[in-house]
Amino acid sequence: MHRGNSFFGLKPRMLLLCILFLPWLAFADTLPSVGFYYGSGPVPEAFHDFNWMVVNPGRQRLPTDFNQNQQVFAYVSIGETTPGDARYQNLPESCAMGTNPNWGGKIINLAHADCRSYLLNQVIDPIWQQGYHAFFMDTLDSFKLVDTSPAAQKQQEAGLVQLIKAIKTAHPDAQLIANRGFSVLPEIHQDLVGVVAESLFKQWNQGTRTYTSVPGSDQKALIAELRKVQGYRLPAIVIDYMPPKLNRQGWWKDAQKIQSLGFVPYVTDSGLTAVGAGLREPMPRHVLIMYNSTDPKQYSSAFANGAMPLEYLGYIPRFQRLSEPLPAKPRAGEYAGVILWSDGEPVKDVAGISHWLDEARAQGIPILLIGDFQDALDEKTYMDFGMNRPTSREVSALSITSQNKNMSYEMPIRANPRDFLQLRAPADSKIWLTLKSPAGDIEDAAAITPWGGYILSPYILTTLPNKDTRWLVNPFHLYREAFRLPEMPVPDTTTESGRRLFMAHADGDGFVSRAQFPPYHIAGQVYMHRILEKYKLPFTGSIIVGDLLPGDRGLYPALAPLGSKVAREVFRLPYVEIGSHMWSHPFDWPAIEAGKDYPGINLPVPGYKFSPYMEAVGAAKWIDKHLAPPDKKVVIDQWSGDCEPDAQVVGLAYKAGLMNINGGESTISKKDPSITAVPPIGIFRGKWLQVFAPDANEDYFTNQWHGPYWGFENVIQTFEMTNKPHRLKPIDIYTHWYTATKLASISAVDKVYNWVLTQSITPIYVADYGHIANNFFTIHLAREGQGFWIGGAEALRELRMPTSLGTPAIADSQGIAGYNPSPNGNMYVHMDGNPSVYLALSKNPKPFPYIVSANAPIAEFTAGSDGFLAKLKGYVPVQVQLGNMQNCRARMNGQSTAIPVSGQLQSSAHDVTLHVSCSQ
């Protein structure tokens, strides 16, 4: 299995010299994962999981569009023209020896120098000029279709060798992969970095347009040729072709069969447009949600209710309003699933949506229909799905005849005759809810079907008289079963180093308000003395610039000098991170961004006119200049008011290097005990993520600061209910400075801190969490060997996985520091921030020392033959729990440390270098 990039950056001859001196087994362990994409348009994101990528060259697939550690090979047809490719349109007629009957290309006479020159100058060179410095040479053996005599074939082979030598002469740095060309391999192997052969076990017959198995005799013959390739110490790459099935069923099994022979596999569809399975099989993490709500996205049920459970399962919701142009044709392996979420609004392009979903089903992408979708699809699509269109019919009464355990999730389902739709589930479905009228009319209202699943309104969610919402179906299990989600480790934003993340932040409101109890200091000062200096935990504090502007420029001229003095004291504290709560605290962002101006739309800062730049960036710069100590700057914007900034404002913050937080907020409690009160990680404003605050602030728990003022202690209920039965959010003590104006409210904050100290936590700053939240949406996962490869996990360093996958084999992994059982039956696995991580799994891994948990992020972990080196960089004195410590010794920051039976080590330092070595 490949867990490095040893092929990258090497010149071909230098690479070959390295390979020639490697033992074969060592060479095999450095084989590159290889992917092929011949489609048009941008390459699907999952292809970034491969080390080598072969693409059809084009402006949307340039090498600069890929990761720096990927080698991009341009597809080029050598032995025949590619129909429709302008590069071949001026090929001299004398160079055409015939036509490929299946593909329609003209077979090129490689024996003629003029034809070779045309290929070099008119085909290869223009692609080189586009920036491609590596080529996959296809159709090398096409001449065999027309030149059948041995003498003629020898001439063609000699011409092929001369062409490849000419390419290397013109472009010495070019890296070349050949498709077959076995007969000339002795002459060209030194010019290649790999050889491809198609159809070892599974093949595509272009003539009959069918997928078939390869006869055993052909398999043996091809294996013999591939062994010769390996004899030259070149990667032998095999492409097998299989039909798209639900979730690429069977592709990974075939890839592993190829790999077991020592070859680099790639299993794909006939058009090579699917995200295939190779040494790595990318795990699609995106779920496309097509919705038709006319409300802003954040208020649609698809987003407000449907997104969070998907994110918990490790998936990325991608929203597509049905009134917008449909996305490009879906490709197998591109999406983990597609949801059509209809709230009953009319759908205009029924034919287009129906056709798109038909194509998705044909590509093996699971589909889930939710809501009032009966008029969103055409009759043909319902027929293709094996079901009739849901039809409204009057019934006198309605009763539930059967329901799955996943129904009546947060409230019992009640059948209402007014909602009846006659519908029978497709054959071979698992029916979750069936209702029946006295006359025998049947409604299969929810089912897991052969192509995915569906659930009809009103059996998804219900709204209570007080406007609270409840799930009627278990959304976690609905997604798992409808999409046939595989067991895999998922990126987790709630936990780090095996312990629940903890953070705290205060918005700038009320910083200069007077406390209503002796000695009547301003709120910022009270908060500093009663909370910050007492607990010395990471804290992010912000101010509103308008509150502290001096003289007649500010809102509080008399208090600004004192407020500025206290702000400087707060920001000097070593455990305080600086945030900005804007210049004028906009309350209604959409209105003020639209140019509206009315009393109460923002704070009336004298002489100030709203400016997106001044709110998002200017305020932070003012704080840096006037309040921040020399060694600190503002690192985060804390959105104000309704927390609905537009893409321009959020983008300004990111471009200025500022993270952001606020909006969303979990309000689940005994008062509203539903996961519908737990929002997603954030919302994308254009391409920018607005990071939601994990938990609600005291404003919610005190009824918008009308009392009870001790109400914030109920946030403990939120912390508990977002920990079990699913850990959905980290702990965030989120307040405003004005909570320090009343004894009851600041005492509630103190009580919450005391509760937090009883928990197993890893304290971080809110800006750290912002980076973790962003990283959730960029991490890549792929099957590899007996485990998983994780790419791009730098800020987010925790995985959550079912124990049924096995136990991390630390010695065989890379970038995996340890693991810890969760309170909910899963396992947390700790990564070290390396951008390329390999998690090896085993049912019975050999004993090896590891980190069970720590209260600090793990910045580095290197396993050796007898132990490990780890670096932990935290914000409090480090505690670390170790496992498998029999016969082991430890050194912390160079000092020998006895390992107690408990495995618990402590240090007074925030940053620790830990060496553990063990004897046999």
Foldseek 3Di string as FASTA:
>chain_A
DAFDLVVPPDFLLRVLVVLVPDDLVVLLHHDWFEAEAADDAAAFPLVLVTQEYEYADDPNYFPVVHDPSHQYAYEDEDFWDQPPDPLCPPQDPVQFPAADVLRGTGGGQLLDPVRLVSCVPRPVVVSVVSPHQEHEYPPLPVCCVRPVDPVSVVSSLVSSLVSLVVNCVVRVRYEYEYECSLVNCVSCVSRHQAYEYEALFWAADSVVRDIDGDDPVVNVVVLVSLVVSVVSVHAYEYEHADFAAALNPPQQVVQVVCVVSSHWYWYYHPNSNAQTQTLWRFQAQEEEEEEADPDPPCPDCCALPVQQLSVLVFHHYDYDYLVDDDDDQDAANSHLAYEHAYAPDDRDPQVVVLVSVVSCLSNNHFYEYEEPCLRSHDQVSCVVQQKGRFAQDQAPDKDWPAAAPQFCPPHEDDDDRNQHTQMDHHPPKAQGTWMAGPVGGIDSQWIQGSRFIYHYPPRAKDADPVRFIAGRGNSNVSRCRRSVRDFAWHFDLQAAQQFGEEAEEAAAPQQQPFAPDPPGGGLLQLCCVLPCVVPVFAYEYEHAQQCQDEDLQHDCNVRNVVSLVSLLVQQPRPRYAYAYAFHFQQQDQVQVVVVDDDPPRTHCRPPDRDDLCRGQPVRQVVCQVRRHDPVHGHAAYEYGHQRDHAQVSLVSNVVNNHFYEADLAADDAPVRPHCSSFRHQADDRDPGTHGYDRHDAQCVQQVNVVDPLLRRLRCVRVCVSCQPPHVSHGHYHYYHSCLSNYPNSVVSVVVNVVVVVVGGYQYDYVSLSSVSSVQSVVWIWIDRDLHIKIAQCASRFKIKGACVSAAWQVQPWAQWAHWEQGPNRIIMTGGQRPRIITTHGDNDHDQAKGWHGKNFHWNDWDADPFHIKTKTAGSFWIKTAMPSQPQKWKDKPRHTDDQDPRRIDTGRDRIIIMTMGGDD
